[in-house]
Amino acid sequence: MKDFGIKESLKILGIKKSNLGTSTGKKWIKSSGSYIDSFSPADGKLIGRIQTTDEKSFNKVVEQATKAFHHWRMVPAPKRGEIVRQIGEALRKQKEHLGRLVSYEMGKSFQEGLGEVQEMIDICDLAVGLSRQLNGLTMHSERPQHRMYEQYHPLGLVGIITAFNFPVAVWSWNAMIAWVCGDVCIWKPSEKTPLCSIACQTIATKIFEKNGVPEGVSCIVNGDYKIGQMMCENEAIALVSATGSVRMGKAVGQTVASRLGRTLLELGGNNAIIITEHANLDMTIIGAVFGAVGTAGQRCTSTRRLIIHEKVYDEVRSRLKKAYAQLRIGNPLDQHNHVGPLIDKPTVKIYSNALQKIKKEGGKFLVHGAVLKGKGYESGCYVRPAIAEVNNDYEIVQAETFAPILYLIKYRTLDEAIALQNGVKQGLSSAIMTTRMQDMEKFLSHAGSDCGIANVNIGTSGAEIGGAFGGEKETGGGRESGSDAWKVYMRRQTNTINFSDSLPLAQGIKFDL
């Protein structure tokens, strides 16, 4: 199979056949942990091995991170921002190589891999500006010659747990913002994409060393759920930001809450596009198809359901079938292909089981799914995107299947469509396609979408970093990236200053001695 430049990229990024997976920045720490083998879903080949973190090395990381925090929090925020700016510049230089690694280790298309690194660059740019905008409020006091205001202080150690589908971007959403806020970060990447963490840590460490930053500001720990459990149980870690399944998020939330720690949870999605009778169908088909098959349906914002008005249902159905027939499935590094592989064979099994469940519950396939075999598909991870006509209350439709399966549902009134859209436990992303102002405004009103993201005339995926990213209900309620999401990484403090010669009490209370 053609190399597509991956060997050169691995060399430049410092990825070896055998790698240590625990780092405090300057040091890579040996442990007694076992090794994780990272195989590419693109061709099934072994990319490299990584030694996991054990309890002893994890505790070393926490100890070093704690020491680093005492120094880092005293660095002026604009100075911290300048260092993040340099990380952004380093990512610009390595964009092609890191994007290629993301594509090869995770399986998303090379264009999507490049887009993920661009998200990292964009969040660096946002963080640099933010470093001069960590502002509080001033309030009027009821007491004479008193001043009240609030300010934000660095929170401390931030634990970051990321999923395989965005192996570098989600870390950057958290880390770049946390760093300008004065926090230090300990990152546990997915065990399915560990080599991406090595590359990112190497890039960041060079910048921190160049600027004389003590080790421990950027740390990584690798391994399975047991490492995440250590992170959740450790009282030194003030905030755990976790991206992944609802099941994982519930476990993280319960464990961290038991010690009254903080969590930021970004969990599953079951995202829908409402297609009204007034929709521009040319735009709609592009948005729906990319949303459904991009990253092989493995985005938390992937389009799972199309809720289509009965007047345009047949036309949308016909156009989708034609569009799916044109999809090219194959090696994600080949830019002629639209769809790459699923992450691994267990995920392929989940996909196959979902197809069986759809059929069992009464769904009818417009485009039949299948596991692909033969030349180019030797890894066993390639599948054909499927489309099924279903009812919204099917058990399989109510669940999130992390695979390219799209459901079609018919509706008559907009109220019915919104109820169908909201009629799932997840609440991440949503969209409506319409040229009618009344439709879009109703969709965005209090009686409209109950999701954290609600779009008009664009799809459910492809959120920009300027807005806060996250969702409601079983999606966890967390917010990452832009807007005022930075406040999650800081502790708020209210200050009252008395510059008079007396001590009046609030609420007019008298207490004379």
Protein backbone atom coordinates (compact mmCIF):
# COMPACT_ATOMS: atom_id res chain seq x y z
CA MET A 1 0.00 0.00 0.00
CA LYS A 2 1.20 3.50 -0.81
CA ASP A 3 2.99 5.27 2.06
CA PHE A 4 1.46 8.76 1.52
CA GLY A 5 4.37 10.29 3.47
CA ILE A 6 3.51 8.74 6.86
CA LYS A 7 7.05 7.44 7.53
CA GLU A 8 8.52 10.91 7.14
CA SER A 9 5.85 12.43 9.39
CA LEU A 10 6.42 9.85 12.13
CA LYS A 11 10.16 10.59 12.06
CA ILE A 12 9.71 14.36 12.20
CA LEU A 13 7.19 14.08 15.05
CA GLY A 14 9.54 11.87 17.08
CA ILE A 15 7.36 8.75 17.01
CA LYS A 16 9.37 5.56 17.44
CA LYS A 17 8.49 1.90 17.34
CA SER A 18 8.69 1.88 21.14
CA ASN A 19 7.75 4.95 23.21
CA LEU A 20 7.39 5.88 26.86
CA GLY A 21 3.89 7.13 27.63
CA THR A 22 4.42 9.15 30.79
CA SER A 23 5.91 12.64 30.78
CA THR A 24 6.21 15.75 32.92
CA GLY A 25 7.68 17.72 30.05
CA LYS A 26 11.45 17.51 30.21
CA LYS A 27 11.36 13.93 31.46
CA TRP A 28 9.90 10.75 30.02
CA ILE A 29 9.27 8.45 32.95
CA LYS A 30 9.76 4.68 32.83
CA SER A 31 7.17 2.63 34.63
CA SER A 32 6.24 -0.98 35.28
CA GLY A 33 3.21 -0.55 33.05
CA SER A 34 2.43 -2.84 30.14
CA TYR A 35 2.60 -1.72 26.52
CA ILE A 36 -0.20 -0.59 24.22
CA ASP A 37 0.19 -1.45 20.55
CA SER A 38 -1.20 1.19 18.20
CA PHE A 39 -2.40 -0.26 14.89
CA SER A 40 -3.61 1.92 12.06
CA PRO A 41 -7.22 1.19 11.07
CA ALA A 42 -6.22 2.33 7.58
CA ASP A 43 -4.00 -0.65 6.77
CA GLY A 44 -3.86 -2.70 9.98
CA LYS A 45 -0.13 -2.13 10.40
CA LEU A 46 1.58 -1.58 13.76
CA ILE A 47 2.58 2.09 14.02
CA GLY A 48 4.30 1.92 17.39
CA ARG A 49 4.14 0.77 21.01
CA ILE A 50 3.71 2.90 24.10
CA GLN A 51 4.39 2.03 27.73
CA THR A 52 1.47 2.76 30.01
CA THR A 53 1.55 4.72 33.26
CA ASP A 54 1.52 2.84 36.56
CA GLU A 55 0.40 4.18 39.95
CA LYS A 56 3.93 5.13 41.03
CA SER A 57 4.68 7.13 37.88
CA PHE A 58 1.22 8.71 38.00
CA ASN A 59 1.91 9.98 41.50
CA LYS A 60 5.26 11.39 40.30
CA VAL A 61 3.42 13.30 37.60
CA VAL A 62 0.92 14.76 40.07
CA GLU A 63 3.74 15.75 42.45
CA GLN A 64 5.69 17.51 39.68
CA ALA A 65 2.56 19.19 38.32
CA THR A 66 1.75 20.54 41.78
CA LYS A 67 5.23 22.08 42.08
CA ALA A 68 4.93 23.58 38.60
CA PHE A 69 1.57 25.15 39.40
CA HIS A 70 3.04 27.22 42.24
CA HIS A 71 5.39 28.83 39.71
CA TRP A 72 3.12 28.97 36.64
CA ARG A 73 0.23 30.73 38.40
CA MET A 74 2.53 33.66 39.24
CA VAL A 75 3.54 34.23 35.61
CA PRO A 76 1.46 37.16 34.29
CA ALA A 77 -1.39 35.94 32.10
CA PRO A 78 -0.22 37.85 28.97
CA LYS A 79 3.19 36.17 29.37
CA ARG A 80 1.48 32.79 29.56
CA GLY A 81 -0.42 33.78 26.44
CA GLU A 82 2.81 34.56 24.62
CA ILE A 83 4.03 31.03 25.27
CA VAL A 84 0.76 29.60 23.95
CA ARG A 85 1.20 31.81 20.87
CA GLN A 86 4.55 30.13 20.25
CA ILE A 87 2.90 26.71 20.57
CA GLY A 88 0.43 27.81 17.91
CA GLU A 89 3.31 28.79 15.62
CA ALA A 90 4.97 25.41 16.19
CA LEU A 91 1.71 23.69 15.27
CA ARG A 92 1.53 25.73 12.07
CA LYS A 93 4.94 24.40 11.08
CA GLN A 94 3.96 20.81 11.90
CA LYS A 95 0.37 20.97 10.61
CA GLU A 96 0.85 18.61 7.68
CA HIS A 97 2.82 16.02 9.66
CA LEU A 98 0.55 16.04 12.72
CA GLY A 99 -2.54 16.00 10.50
CA ARG A 100 -1.16 12.96 8.69
CA LEU A 101 -0.52 11.16 12.00
CA VAL A 102 -4.07 11.94 13.18
CA SER A 103 -5.44 10.54 9.92
CA TYR A 104 -3.30 7.41 10.03
CA GLU A 105 -3.72 6.52 13.70
CA MET A 106 -7.41 7.45 14.01
CA GLY A 107 -8.68 6.78 10.49
CA LYS A 108 -10.31 10.10 9.59
CA SER A 109 -9.59 11.59 6.18
CA PHE A 110 -6.36 13.54 5.73
CA GLN A 111 -8.38 16.72 5.13
CA GLU A 112 -10.17 16.18 8.44
CA GLY A 113 -6.81 15.51 10.10
CA LEU A 114 -5.52 18.83 8.80
CA GLY A 115 -8.73 20.47 9.97
CA GLU A 116 -8.23 19.08 13.46
CA VAL A 117 -4.74 20.57 13.70
CA GLN A 118 -6.17 23.86 12.41
CA GLU A 119 -8.58 23.76 15.35
CA MET A 120 -5.54 23.53 17.63
CA ILE A 121 -3.98 26.55 15.94
CA ASP A 122 -7.25 28.48 16.19
CA ILE A 123 -7.66 27.76 19.90
CA CYS A 124 -4.09 28.95 20.47
CA ASP A 125 -4.98 32.23 18.77
CA LEU A 126 -8.14 32.56 20.87
CA ALA A 127 -6.21 31.79 24.05
CA VAL A 128 -3.59 34.45 23.30
CA GLY A 129 -6.26 37.14 23.11
CA LEU A 130 -8.02 35.71 26.14
CA SER A 131 -4.84 36.04 28.19
CA ARG A 132 -5.50 39.81 28.33
CA GLN A 133 -9.26 39.41 28.93
CA LEU A 134 -9.59 37.35 32.14
CA ASN A 135 -11.83 40.02 33.57
CA GLY A 136 -14.22 40.10 36.52
CA LEU A 137 -16.99 42.55 37.46
CA THR A 138 -17.38 45.53 39.79
CA MET A 139 -20.55 45.96 41.89
CA HIS A 140 -21.95 48.80 44.00
CA SER A 141 -21.91 48.17 47.75
CA GLU A 142 -24.84 49.07 50.00
CA ARG A 143 -22.33 50.27 52.58
CA PRO A 144 -20.76 53.72 52.26
CA GLN A 145 -17.10 53.94 51.23
CA HIS A 146 -16.97 50.29 50.28
CA ARG A 147 -16.00 48.79 46.93
CA MET A 148 -17.01 45.36 45.68
CA TYR A 149 -15.59 43.42 42.77
CA GLU A 150 -14.90 39.87 41.66
CA GLN A 151 -11.79 38.35 40.20
CA TYR A 152 -10.69 34.99 38.83
CA HIS A 153 -7.71 32.98 40.04
CA PRO A 154 -6.02 29.89 38.56
CA LEU A 155 -7.78 26.72 39.64
CA GLY A 156 -4.82 24.33 39.91
CA LEU A 157 -4.26 20.93 38.32
CA VAL A 158 -6.56 20.12 35.41
CA GLY A 159 -7.00 16.51 34.32
CA ILE A 160 -7.96 16.04 30.68
CA ILE A 161 -9.45 12.77 29.42
CA THR A 162 -9.95 12.68 25.65
CA ALA A 163 -11.58 10.30 23.18
CA PHE A 164 -10.07 8.67 20.08
CA ASN A 165 -12.19 10.52 17.51
CA PHE A 166 -10.47 13.88 18.09
CA PRO A 167 -7.10 12.70 19.40
CA VAL A 168 -5.44 16.15 19.51
CA ALA A 169 -8.01 18.95 19.14
CA VAL A 170 -10.01 18.33 22.31
CA TRP A 171 -6.82 18.27 24.38
CA SER A 172 -5.90 21.66 22.93
CA TRP A 173 -9.36 23.11 23.62
CA ASN A 174 -8.75 22.39 27.29
CA ALA A 175 -4.99 22.80 27.63
CA MET A 176 -4.50 26.12 25.81
CA ILE A 177 -7.31 27.79 27.76
CA ALA A 178 -6.22 26.22 31.06
CA TRP A 179 -2.62 27.33 30.49
CA VAL A 180 -3.45 31.00 29.93
CA CYS A 181 -5.68 30.80 33.00
CA GLY A 182 -2.62 29.75 35.02
CA ASP A 183 -3.44 26.06 35.43
CA VAL A 184 -1.24 23.06 34.71
CA CYS A 185 -2.52 20.04 32.75
CA ILE A 186 -2.33 16.27 33.02
CA TRP A 187 -3.59 14.61 29.85
CA LYS A 188 -4.87 11.05 29.57
CA PRO A 189 -5.47 10.41 25.86
CA SER A 190 -7.49 7.52 24.47
CA GLU A 191 -5.65 4.22 24.53
CA LYS A 192 -6.78 3.83 20.89
CA THR A 193 -4.73 6.84 19.71
CA PRO A 194 -1.79 7.15 22.13
CA LEU A 195 0.89 8.15 19.62
CA CYS A 196 -0.83 11.46 18.89
CA SER A 197 -0.25 12.41 22.52
CA ILE A 198 3.49 11.77 22.17
CA ALA A 199 3.67 14.13 19.20
CA CYS A 200 1.72 16.90 20.95
CA GLN A 201 3.72 16.61 24.16
CA THR A 202 6.97 16.82 22.20
CA ILE A 203 5.86 19.98 20.39
CA ALA A 204 4.63 21.70 23.56
CA THR A 205 7.66 20.69 25.65
CA LYS A 206 10.11 22.29 23.23
CA ILE A 207 8.29 25.62 23.57
CA PHE A 208 8.09 25.44 27.36
CA GLU A 209 11.80 24.60 27.62
CA LYS A 210 12.70 27.43 25.25
CA ASN A 211 10.89 29.86 27.58
CA GLY A 212 12.37 28.48 30.80
CA VAL A 213 9.07 27.10 32.11
CA PRO A 214 9.57 24.47 34.81
CA GLU A 215 8.58 20.92 33.97
CA GLY A 216 5.13 19.81 35.03
CA VAL A 217 3.01 22.45 33.30
CA SER A 218 2.27 19.95 30.51
CA CYS A 219 2.04 16.29 31.51
CA ILE A 220 0.73 13.14 29.87
CA VAL A 221 -0.25 9.76 31.30
CA ASN A 222 -1.24 6.84 29.08
CA GLY A 223 -3.28 3.74 29.75
CA ASP A 224 -6.79 2.38 30.07
CA TYR A 225 -9.70 3.39 32.30
CA LYS A 226 -7.67 2.64 35.44
CA ILE A 227 -5.50 5.70 34.78
CA GLY A 228 -8.64 7.80 34.36
CA GLN A 229 -9.91 6.41 37.64
CA MET A 230 -6.68 7.45 39.39
CA MET A 231 -7.16 10.93 37.99
CA CYS A 232 -10.76 11.14 39.18
CA GLU A 233 -9.92 9.93 42.67
CA ASN A 234 -6.88 12.18 43.21
CA GLU A 235 -7.81 15.18 45.37
CA ALA A 236 -4.89 17.22 44.02
CA ILE A 237 -6.64 17.43 40.64
CA ALA A 238 -9.11 20.29 40.90
CA LEU A 239 -10.94 19.76 37.61
CA VAL A 240 -11.44 16.69 35.43
CA SER A 241 -12.50 17.48 31.88
CA ALA A 242 -13.70 14.27 30.23
CA THR A 243 -14.85 13.63 26.67
CA GLY A 244 -16.36 10.28 25.76
CA SER A 245 -19.37 8.06 26.24
CA VAL A 246 -22.28 8.70 28.59
CA ARG A 247 -21.32 5.58 30.54
CA MET A 248 -17.80 6.89 31.05
CA GLY A 249 -19.07 10.37 31.94
CA LYS A 250 -21.39 9.05 34.63
CA ALA A 251 -18.52 7.16 36.24
CA VAL A 252 -16.25 10.22 36.11
CA GLY A 253 -18.97 12.50 37.46
CA GLN A 254 -19.81 10.24 40.39
CA THR A 255 -16.20 9.65 41.40
CA VAL A 256 -15.12 13.29 41.22
CA ALA A 257 -18.32 14.49 42.91
CA SER A 258 -17.68 12.11 45.84
CA ARG A 259 -14.65 14.26 46.72
CA LEU A 260 -16.46 17.50 45.77
CA GLY A 261 -14.16 18.09 42.83
CA ARG A 262 -15.18 19.76 39.58
CA THR A 263 -15.98 18.13 36.25
CA LEU A 264 -16.45 19.29 32.69
CA LEU A 265 -18.28 16.56 30.78
CA GLU A 266 -18.73 16.44 27.01
CA LEU A 267 -20.45 13.16 26.27
CA GLY A 268 -22.64 11.50 23.63
CA GLY A 269 -24.80 13.02 20.94
CA ASN A 270 -27.83 11.87 18.94
CA ASN A 271 -27.97 14.78 16.57
CA ALA A 272 -30.74 15.61 14.14
CA ILE A 273 -31.31 17.91 11.20
CA ILE A 274 -34.88 19.07 10.62
CA ILE A 275 -35.47 19.49 6.89
CA THR A 276 -38.49 21.72 6.30
CA GLU A 277 -40.55 22.04 3.14
CA HIS A 278 -38.84 25.43 2.65
CA ALA A 279 -35.27 24.06 2.77
CA ASN A 280 -32.66 24.68 0.09
CA LEU A 281 -32.13 21.01 -0.74
CA ASP A 282 -28.81 21.52 -2.53
CA MET A 283 -27.30 22.86 0.71
CA THR A 284 -29.18 20.33 2.78
CA ILE A 285 -27.79 17.25 1.05
CA ILE A 286 -24.19 18.43 1.39
CA GLY A 287 -24.63 19.21 5.10
CA ALA A 288 -26.48 15.97 5.81
CA VAL A 289 -24.06 13.68 3.99
CA PHE A 290 -20.92 15.22 5.47
CA GLY A 291 -22.51 15.21 8.92
CA ALA A 292 -23.40 11.53 8.59
CA VAL A 293 -20.27 10.08 6.98
CA GLY A 294 -17.52 12.51 8.03
CA THR A 295 -15.02 10.76 10.34
CA ALA A 296 -16.99 7.61 9.38
CA GLY A 297 -19.80 8.74 11.68
CA GLN A 298 -17.49 8.85 14.70
CA ARG A 299 -18.00 12.45 15.76
CA CYS A 300 -20.03 13.30 18.84
CA THR A 301 -21.70 15.85 16.53
CA SER A 302 -22.26 13.39 13.66
CA THR A 303 -25.71 13.60 12.08
CA ARG A 304 -27.66 10.53 13.22
CA ARG A 305 -31.22 11.51 12.28
CA LEU A 306 -32.87 13.44 9.45
CA ILE A 307 -36.36 14.62 10.35
CA ILE A 308 -37.91 15.41 6.98
CA HIS A 309 -41.17 17.18 6.06
CA GLU A 310 -43.55 14.88 4.25
CA LYS A 311 -43.76 17.20 1.22
CA VAL A 312 -40.02 16.90 0.45
CA TYR A 313 -39.41 13.46 1.96
CA ASP A 314 -39.34 11.53 -1.31
CA GLU A 315 -37.03 14.03 -3.02
CA VAL A 316 -34.59 14.08 -0.09
CA ARG A 317 -34.70 10.30 0.01
CA SER A 318 -33.86 10.09 -3.69
CA ARG A 319 -31.05 12.63 -3.50
CA LEU A 320 -29.47 10.92 -0.52
CA LYS A 321 -29.44 7.56 -2.25
CA LYS A 322 -27.74 9.11 -5.26
CA ALA A 323 -25.19 10.94 -3.10
CA TYR A 324 -24.30 7.80 -1.11
CA ALA A 325 -23.70 5.92 -4.36
CA GLN A 326 -20.92 8.40 -5.15
CA LEU A 327 -19.04 7.99 -1.85
CA ARG A 328 -15.48 6.69 -2.19
CA ILE A 329 -14.40 4.54 0.75
CA GLY A 330 -10.74 3.75 1.36
CA ASN A 331 -7.39 4.76 2.81
CA PRO A 332 -7.94 8.08 4.61
CA LEU A 333 -4.54 9.40 3.50
CA ASP A 334 -5.70 9.18 -0.12
CA GLN A 335 -7.42 12.51 -0.68
CA HIS A 336 -9.63 11.03 -3.40
CA ASN A 337 -11.58 9.13 -0.72
CA HIS A 338 -14.52 10.54 1.24
CA VAL A 339 -14.79 7.93 4.00
CA GLY A 340 -12.08 6.15 5.97
CA PRO A 341 -12.28 3.21 8.38
CA LEU A 342 -13.84 2.80 11.78
CA ILE A 343 -11.32 2.94 14.63
CA ASP A 344 -11.08 -0.84 15.27
CA LYS A 345 -12.75 -4.21 14.82
CA PRO A 346 -14.80 -4.06 18.06
CA THR A 347 -16.40 -0.89 16.68
CA VAL A 348 -17.11 -2.70 13.41
CA LYS A 349 -18.93 -5.33 15.49
CA ILE A 350 -21.03 -2.61 17.13
CA TYR A 351 -21.89 -1.28 13.66
CA SER A 352 -22.93 -4.74 12.45
CA ASN A 353 -25.05 -5.37 15.54
CA ALA A 354 -26.79 -2.02 15.02
CA LEU A 355 -27.73 -3.00 11.46
CA GLN A 356 -29.28 -6.19 12.78
CA LYS A 357 -31.14 -4.29 15.49
CA ILE A 358 -32.58 -1.83 12.94
CA LYS A 359 -33.93 -4.71 10.86
CA LYS A 360 -35.31 -6.49 13.92
CA GLU A 361 -37.18 -3.39 15.10
CA GLY A 362 -38.81 -2.87 11.71
CA GLY A 363 -36.54 -0.38 9.98
CA LYS A 364 -36.25 -0.40 6.19
CA PHE A 365 -32.88 0.20 4.53
CA LEU A 366 -32.61 2.76 1.77
CA VAL A 367 -28.86 2.12 1.53
CA HIS A 368 -27.70 -1.21 2.94
CA GLY A 369 -24.63 -1.25 5.16
CA ALA A 370 -21.91 -3.89 5.05
CA VAL A 371 -18.40 -4.66 6.25
CA LEU A 372 -16.12 -4.23 3.24
CA LYS A 373 -13.60 -6.86 2.24
CA GLY A 374 -10.98 -7.28 -0.44
CA LYS A 375 -8.06 -5.22 -1.71
CA GLY A 376 -7.58 -2.01 0.28
CA TYR A 377 -9.82 -3.20 3.10
CA GLU A 378 -7.43 -5.70 4.70
CA SER A 379 -7.56 -4.01 8.13
CA GLY A 380 -11.16 -5.21 8.52
CA CYS A 381 -12.28 -1.76 9.70
CA TYR A 382 -13.98 -0.42 6.56
CA VAL A 383 -17.79 -0.32 6.36
CA ARG A 384 -20.38 1.04 3.95
CA PRO A 385 -22.40 3.98 5.31
CA ALA A 386 -26.05 2.98 5.67
CA ILE A 387 -29.39 4.79 5.55
CA ALA A 388 -32.52 3.41 7.22
CA GLU A 389 -36.14 4.59 7.43
CA VAL A 390 -37.23 4.24 11.06
CA ASN A 391 -39.42 5.50 13.86
CA ASN A 392 -37.85 7.84 16.40
CA ASP A 393 -38.89 5.63 19.32
CA TYR A 394 -36.92 2.58 18.16
CA GLU A 395 -34.50 1.52 20.89
CA ILE A 396 -31.59 1.57 18.43
CA VAL A 397 -32.50 5.10 17.28
CA GLN A 398 -32.62 6.34 20.86
CA ALA A 399 -29.05 5.14 21.39
CA GLU A 400 -25.88 6.66 19.95
CA THR A 401 -24.14 4.28 17.54
CA PHE A 402 -20.65 5.57 16.76
CA ALA A 403 -20.73 4.57 13.11
CA PRO A 404 -22.03 5.90 9.76
CA ILE A 405 -25.70 4.97 10.09
CA LEU A 406 -28.25 7.65 9.17
CA TYR A 407 -31.93 7.46 10.13
CA LEU A 408 -34.78 9.02 8.13
CA ILE A 409 -37.95 10.11 9.96
CA LYS A 410 -40.99 11.80 8.41
CA TYR A 411 -42.99 14.66 9.98
CA ARG A 412 -45.98 16.90 9.23
CA THR A 413 -45.75 19.98 11.49
CA LEU A 414 -42.78 21.89 12.86
CA ASP A 415 -43.97 21.32 16.43
CA GLU A 416 -43.91 17.58 15.72
CA ALA A 417 -40.41 17.85 14.20
CA ILE A 418 -39.02 19.72 17.22
CA ALA A 419 -40.59 17.17 19.58
CA LEU A 420 -38.95 14.35 17.60
CA GLN A 421 -35.62 16.14 17.63
CA ASN A 422 -35.76 16.68 21.38
CA GLY A 423 -37.17 13.20 22.02
CA VAL A 424 -33.84 11.56 22.87
CA LYS A 425 -31.72 11.54 26.04
CA GLN A 426 -28.76 13.29 24.42
CA GLY A 427 -28.65 17.04 23.75
CA LEU A 428 -25.49 18.04 21.93
CA SER A 429 -26.03 19.40 18.40
CA SER A 430 -29.04 20.16 16.22
CA ALA A 431 -29.90 21.97 13.01
CA ILE A 432 -32.78 23.13 10.87
CA MET A 433 -32.76 23.65 7.12
CA THR A 434 -35.22 26.34 6.07
CA THR A 435 -35.53 29.63 4.21
CA ARG A 436 -38.54 30.65 6.29
CA MET A 437 -37.82 33.06 9.13
CA GLN A 438 -40.68 31.82 11.33
CA ASP A 439 -39.28 28.26 11.23
CA MET A 440 -35.75 29.25 12.21
CA GLU A 441 -36.88 31.57 14.99
CA LYS A 442 -39.18 28.96 16.49
CA PHE A 443 -36.38 26.41 16.34
CA LEU A 444 -34.10 28.80 18.26
CA SER A 445 -36.76 29.89 20.79
CA HIS A 446 -37.45 28.57 24.29
CA ALA A 447 -39.87 26.10 22.68
CA GLY A 448 -37.29 24.94 20.14
CA SER A 449 -34.14 22.83 20.24
CA ASP A 450 -33.03 21.67 23.68
CA CYS A 451 -29.43 21.11 22.56
CA GLY A 452 -26.30 23.01 23.50
CA ILE A 453 -25.73 23.74 19.79
CA ALA A 454 -28.55 24.80 17.46
CA ASN A 455 -27.72 25.70 13.85
CA VAL A 456 -29.67 27.14 10.95
CA ASN A 457 -28.83 26.13 7.37
CA ILE A 458 -25.64 24.33 8.32
CA GLY A 459 -25.16 20.78 9.58
CA THR A 460 -24.69 19.45 13.08
CA SER A 461 -20.90 19.01 12.90
CA GLY A 462 -18.01 21.39 12.31
CA ALA A 463 -18.36 23.75 15.28
CA GLU A 464 -16.04 26.77 15.37
CA ILE A 465 -13.80 27.32 18.38
CA GLY A 466 -15.14 30.83 19.07
CA GLY A 467 -18.35 29.46 20.56
CA ALA A 468 -18.73 27.39 23.71
CA PHE A 469 -18.93 23.71 22.76
CA GLY A 470 -21.05 21.21 24.67
CA GLY A 471 -24.56 19.99 25.31
CA GLU A 472 -27.39 19.29 27.72
CA LYS A 473 -29.12 16.26 29.22
CA GLU A 474 -26.94 13.11 28.96
CA THR A 475 -24.36 15.07 26.96
CA GLY A 476 -23.23 16.28 30.37
CA GLY A 477 -23.82 20.04 30.45
CA GLY A 478 -20.14 21.00 30.04
CA ARG A 479 -18.74 23.74 27.82
CA GLU A 480 -15.31 23.82 26.21
CA SER A 481 -13.44 26.05 23.79
CA GLY A 482 -14.69 29.63 23.25
CA SER A 483 -17.10 32.21 24.67
CA ASP A 484 -16.79 32.28 28.49
CA ALA A 485 -15.85 28.60 28.83
CA TRP A 486 -12.55 29.83 30.33
CA LYS A 487 -14.34 30.43 33.64
CA VAL A 488 -14.54 26.67 34.20
CA TYR A 489 -10.75 26.58 34.56
CA MET A 490 -10.63 29.30 37.22
CA ARG A 491 -11.97 29.93 40.70
CA ARG A 492 -14.13 33.00 41.27
CA GLN A 493 -13.50 35.28 44.24
CA THR A 494 -15.69 38.15 45.47
CA ASN A 495 -13.79 41.00 47.16
CA THR A 496 -15.11 43.79 49.38
CA ILE A 497 -12.85 46.68 50.37
CA ASN A 498 -13.74 49.09 53.18
CA PHE A 499 -11.89 52.40 52.80
CA SER A 500 -13.81 54.21 55.57
CA ASP A 501 -12.91 54.72 59.26
CA SER A 502 -15.87 52.71 60.54
CA LEU A 503 -17.20 49.17 60.18
CA PRO A 504 -20.85 49.23 59.03
CA LEU A 505 -22.35 45.76 58.68
CA ALA A 506 -24.38 44.54 55.74
CA GLN A 507 -28.18 44.52 55.95
CA GLY A 508 -27.97 47.32 58.53
CA ILE A 509 -27.13 44.92 61.39
CA LYS A 510 -26.08 46.67 64.62
CA PHE A 511 -23.30 45.11 66.67
CA ASP A 512 -21.86 47.62 69.15
CA LEU A 513 -19.30 46.76 71.79
